[in-house]
Amino acid sequence: MTDIGFMWDTFLTLLTGVPLTLELAVTSILAGSILALAISLLAVTGGAIGQNIAGAYVFVFRGSPLLVQMFLIYYGLGQFRHGLQDLGLWWFFREPYWCAVLALTLNTAAYCSEIFRGGLRAVSSPEIEAARACGMSSVLLFRRIILPIAIRHALPAYGNEIILMIKATALASVITIMEVTGLAGKLIADSFRAFEIFIVAGAIYLAINFIVTRMLMVIDFWLSPHMRIRLQS
């Protein structure tokens, strides 16, 4: 029999881990998106050398498991403690939170760079030529024409990556971070009631991703005024 009272208590306990889960996700997604934009621009405008550097980065971080990357950063780099102390970086790598953020950021940057690269390449030549014919500078052309169109093209795939990253924050629990999954593991160790606890943890992730998907739909609607006009006509 399912114990509703126990599940409610579990829900209240796991709810305290939601801020840390969101903090991990938001920090990693923002930092990863900035890095991904730089990598995608390098791939699109950097010639053969830029393409090779961007391709190598994507190959390494997309081709290896996120869990392995997290272990390498948190446990692996601990072997080089003295070197990191000499460089003044030990304060960063000794904290599991920053190691998790770094691993999530580097991983999502690899996926997002490919998404952004596809979005940039989807901007048609006539749109660019029309903007140049209006006398736009390169910076204004990128800011007013290329970037908005690329974002609109990339948004569906980028939304999927955001949701994947929210779920990937659960891996941070393996390096002692007490976000939702970490708290769930602690409760299971105390009560041995894995079924009810994981049901509640799964429901919390579902609720978070439900809100995120609705926010993405609003952004997509806002970025596509031409589609709204077409549907109304």
Protein backbone atom coordinates (compact mmCIF):
# COMPACT_ATOMS: atom_id res chain seq x y z
CA MET A 1 0.00 0.00 0.00
CA THR A 2 1.19 3.48 -0.87
CA ASP A 3 1.62 5.67 2.17
CA ILE A 4 0.26 9.09 1.17
CA GLY A 5 1.44 10.70 4.39
CA PHE A 6 5.00 9.46 3.81
CA MET A 7 4.92 10.69 0.20
CA TRP A 8 3.74 14.12 1.35
CA ASP A 9 6.58 14.33 3.88
CA THR A 10 8.97 13.20 1.14
CA PHE A 11 7.62 15.87 -1.18
CA LEU A 12 8.23 18.58 1.41
CA THR A 13 11.78 17.32 1.97
CA LEU A 14 12.64 17.06 -1.73
CA LEU A 15 11.14 20.48 -2.36
CA THR A 16 14.03 21.99 -0.38
CA GLY A 17 16.39 20.67 -3.07
CA VAL A 18 14.56 22.39 -5.94
CA PRO A 19 16.37 25.76 -5.58
CA LEU A 20 19.75 24.03 -5.87
CA THR A 21 18.55 21.99 -8.87
CA LEU A 22 17.35 25.16 -10.61
CA GLU A 23 20.53 27.03 -9.69
CA LEU A 24 22.68 24.29 -11.19
CA ALA A 25 20.55 24.18 -14.34
CA VAL A 26 20.29 27.96 -14.88
CA THR A 27 23.99 28.62 -14.22
CA SER A 28 25.11 25.79 -16.52
CA ILE A 29 22.68 26.66 -19.30
CA LEU A 30 23.60 30.37 -19.30
CA ALA A 31 27.36 29.76 -19.18
CA GLY A 32 27.08 26.89 -21.66
CA SER A 33 25.04 29.00 -24.08
CA ILE A 34 27.64 31.78 -24.10
CA LEU A 35 30.42 29.25 -24.70
CA ALA A 36 28.32 27.50 -27.35
CA LEU A 37 27.71 30.75 -29.22
CA ALA A 38 31.46 31.42 -29.31
CA ILE A 39 32.16 27.86 -30.54
CA SER A 40 29.45 28.03 -33.22
CA LEU A 41 30.74 31.40 -34.47
CA LEU A 42 34.24 29.92 -34.55
CA ALA A 43 32.92 26.99 -36.60
CA VAL A 44 30.99 29.22 -39.03
CA THR A 45 33.45 32.09 -39.47
CA GLY A 46 36.82 30.65 -38.37
CA GLY A 47 37.72 28.86 -41.58
CA ALA A 48 39.30 25.40 -41.59
CA ILE A 49 41.19 25.95 -38.32
CA GLY A 50 38.07 27.18 -36.51
CA GLN A 51 36.03 24.28 -37.82
CA ASN A 52 38.65 21.78 -36.64
CA ILE A 53 38.89 23.31 -33.15
CA ALA A 54 35.10 23.47 -32.78
CA GLY A 55 34.73 19.96 -34.20
CA ALA A 56 37.30 18.54 -31.77
CA TYR A 57 35.56 20.16 -28.79
CA VAL A 58 32.16 18.83 -29.85
CA PHE A 59 33.60 15.37 -30.52
CA VAL A 60 35.17 15.09 -27.06
CA PHE A 61 32.30 16.41 -24.94
CA ARG A 62 29.45 14.97 -27.01
CA GLY A 63 31.13 11.61 -27.43
CA SER A 64 31.85 10.87 -23.76
CA PRO A 65 29.35 10.38 -20.93
CA LEU A 66 28.52 13.39 -18.77
CA LEU A 67 28.99 11.24 -15.66
CA VAL A 68 32.56 10.42 -16.69
CA GLN A 69 33.28 14.09 -17.34
CA MET A 70 31.94 14.96 -13.88
CA PHE A 71 34.06 12.27 -12.22
CA LEU A 72 37.16 13.42 -14.14
CA ILE A 73 36.72 17.02 -13.02
CA TYR A 74 35.80 16.32 -9.38
CA TYR A 75 37.83 13.21 -8.55
CA GLY A 76 40.43 13.19 -11.35
CA LEU A 77 41.70 16.75 -11.01
CA GLY A 78 42.08 16.17 -7.26
CA GLN A 79 45.28 14.27 -8.14
CA PHE A 80 46.79 17.57 -9.26
CA ARG A 81 45.94 19.44 -6.08
CA HIS A 82 49.36 20.96 -5.56
CA GLY A 83 49.51 22.22 -9.13
CA LEU A 84 46.02 23.70 -8.83
CA GLN A 85 46.98 25.33 -5.53
CA ASP A 86 50.01 26.91 -7.21
CA LEU A 87 47.72 28.26 -9.92
CA GLY A 88 45.22 29.55 -7.34
CA LEU A 89 42.44 27.31 -8.73
CA TRP A 90 42.07 24.83 -5.89
CA TRP A 91 39.25 26.85 -4.23
CA PHE A 92 37.22 26.16 -7.38
CA PHE A 93 37.99 22.48 -7.95
CA ARG A 94 37.66 21.43 -4.31
CA GLU A 95 33.97 22.42 -4.30
CA PRO A 96 31.59 19.79 -5.74
CA TYR A 97 29.13 22.51 -6.72
CA TRP A 98 31.58 24.28 -9.03
CA CYS A 99 32.83 20.97 -10.45
CA ALA A 100 29.24 20.02 -11.30
CA VAL A 101 28.58 23.42 -12.88
CA LEU A 102 31.79 23.15 -14.94
CA ALA A 103 30.97 19.62 -16.17
CA LEU A 104 27.38 20.56 -17.05
CA THR A 105 28.52 23.76 -18.77
CA LEU A 106 31.18 22.09 -20.91
CA ASN A 107 28.81 19.29 -21.86
CA THR A 108 25.84 21.44 -22.83
CA ALA A 109 28.11 23.85 -24.73
CA ALA A 110 29.04 21.00 -27.09
CA TYR A 111 25.40 20.20 -27.89
CA CYS A 112 24.25 23.83 -28.02
CA SER A 113 27.09 24.85 -30.33
CA GLU A 114 25.81 22.39 -32.93
CA ILE A 115 22.26 23.70 -32.43
CA PHE A 116 23.42 27.32 -32.82
CA ARG A 117 25.59 26.44 -35.81
CA GLY A 118 22.55 24.94 -37.51
CA GLY A 119 20.54 28.07 -36.67
CA LEU A 120 23.21 30.38 -38.08
CA ARG A 121 23.46 28.38 -41.29
CA ALA A 122 19.66 28.45 -41.65
CA VAL A 123 19.67 32.23 -42.22
CA SER A 124 19.09 32.60 -45.95
CA SER A 125 21.39 34.60 -48.22
CA PRO A 126 18.57 36.85 -49.61
CA GLU A 127 17.82 38.04 -46.04
CA ILE A 128 21.48 38.92 -45.48
CA GLU A 129 21.80 40.59 -48.88
CA ALA A 130 18.62 42.62 -48.28
CA ALA A 131 20.02 43.86 -44.95
CA ARG A 132 23.32 44.81 -46.60
CA ALA A 133 21.42 46.62 -49.35
CA CYS A 134 19.82 48.74 -46.59
CA GLY A 135 23.32 49.81 -45.51
CA MET A 136 23.58 47.77 -42.29
CA SER A 137 27.04 47.31 -40.82
CA SER A 138 28.29 43.79 -40.00
CA VAL A 139 27.58 44.23 -36.29
CA LEU A 140 24.09 45.61 -36.90
CA LEU A 141 23.41 42.89 -39.46
CA PHE A 142 24.35 40.20 -36.94
CA ARG A 143 22.38 41.80 -34.07
CA ARG A 144 19.21 42.75 -35.95
CA ILE A 145 18.95 40.06 -38.66
CA ILE A 146 21.18 37.01 -38.28
CA LEU A 147 20.94 36.42 -34.51
CA PRO A 148 17.11 36.75 -34.15
CA ILE A 149 16.50 34.48 -37.16
CA ALA A 150 19.08 31.96 -35.94
CA ILE A 151 17.52 31.91 -32.46
CA ARG A 152 14.08 31.30 -33.93
CA HIS A 153 15.38 28.38 -36.00
CA ALA A 154 17.36 26.94 -33.07
CA LEU A 155 14.72 27.35 -30.36
CA PRO A 156 12.96 23.94 -30.65
CA ALA A 157 16.21 21.99 -30.40
CA TYR A 158 17.59 24.39 -27.79
CA GLY A 159 14.46 23.85 -25.70
CA ASN A 160 15.09 20.12 -25.75
CA GLU A 161 18.65 20.72 -24.57
CA ILE A 162 17.41 22.89 -21.68
CA ILE A 163 15.10 20.11 -20.54
CA LEU A 164 17.89 17.54 -20.85
CA MET A 165 20.16 19.73 -18.72
CA ILE A 166 17.53 20.09 -15.99
CA LYS A 167 17.33 16.29 -15.82
CA ALA A 168 21.13 15.99 -16.02
CA THR A 169 21.48 17.96 -12.78
CA ALA A 170 20.44 14.70 -11.08
CA LEU A 171 23.95 13.40 -11.84
CA ALA A 172 25.40 16.03 -9.50
CA SER A 173 24.14 13.89 -6.62
CA VAL A 174 26.97 11.40 -7.28
CA ILE A 175 29.51 14.02 -6.18
CA THR A 176 27.69 14.69 -2.89
CA ILE A 177 25.45 17.58 -3.99
CA MET A 178 22.12 17.49 -2.15
CA GLU A 179 19.76 18.62 -4.89
CA VAL A 180 16.45 16.76 -5.48
CA THR A 181 18.00 13.41 -6.43
CA GLY A 182 20.69 13.70 -3.76
CA LEU A 183 18.03 14.26 -1.09
CA ALA A 184 16.04 11.35 -2.53
CA GLY A 185 19.06 9.07 -2.17
CA LYS A 186 19.54 10.16 1.43
CA LEU A 187 15.88 9.47 2.23
CA ILE A 188 16.10 6.04 0.61
CA ALA A 189 19.18 5.20 2.66
CA ASP A 190 17.24 6.12 5.82
CA SER A 191 13.87 4.50 4.98
CA PHE A 192 14.52 1.86 2.23
CA ARG A 193 11.34 3.06 0.48
CA ALA A 194 12.72 3.72 -2.98
CA PHE A 195 9.42 3.40 -4.88
CA GLU A 196 7.52 6.22 -3.17
CA ILE A 197 10.56 8.49 -2.99
CA PHE A 198 11.49 8.16 -6.66
CA ILE A 199 7.82 8.65 -7.66
CA VAL A 200 7.83 11.97 -5.80
CA ALA A 201 11.24 12.97 -7.21
CA GLY A 202 10.08 12.15 -10.75
CA ALA A 203 6.90 14.20 -10.24
CA ILE A 204 8.99 17.23 -9.16
CA TYR A 205 11.15 17.01 -12.30
CA LEU A 206 7.99 16.64 -14.41
CA ALA A 207 6.48 19.77 -12.85
CA ILE A 208 9.67 21.78 -13.44
CA ASN A 209 9.90 20.69 -17.07
CA PHE A 210 6.19 21.35 -17.63
CA ILE A 211 6.72 24.98 -16.62
CA VAL A 212 9.87 25.24 -18.76
CA THR A 213 8.13 23.86 -21.85
CA ARG A 214 5.29 26.37 -21.43
CA MET A 215 7.81 29.21 -21.13
CA LEU A 216 9.53 28.02 -24.31
CA MET A 217 6.19 27.93 -26.13
CA VAL A 218 5.57 31.56 -25.13
CA ILE A 219 9.04 32.58 -26.38
CA ASP A 220 8.49 30.69 -29.64
CA PHE A 221 5.12 32.43 -30.07
CA TRP A 222 6.73 35.83 -29.39
CA LEU A 223 9.58 35.21 -31.88
CA SER A 224 7.25 34.11 -34.69
CA PRO A 225 4.91 37.03 -35.49
CA HIS A 226 4.85 36.05 -39.19
CA MET A 227 3.46 32.63 -38.24
CA ARG A 228 0.69 34.23 -36.16
CA ILE A 229 -0.33 36.43 -39.10
CA ARG A 230 -0.35 33.40 -41.41
CA LEU A 231 -2.55 31.42 -39.01
CA GLN A 232 -5.01 34.30 -38.56
CA SER A 233 -5.40 34.87 -42.32
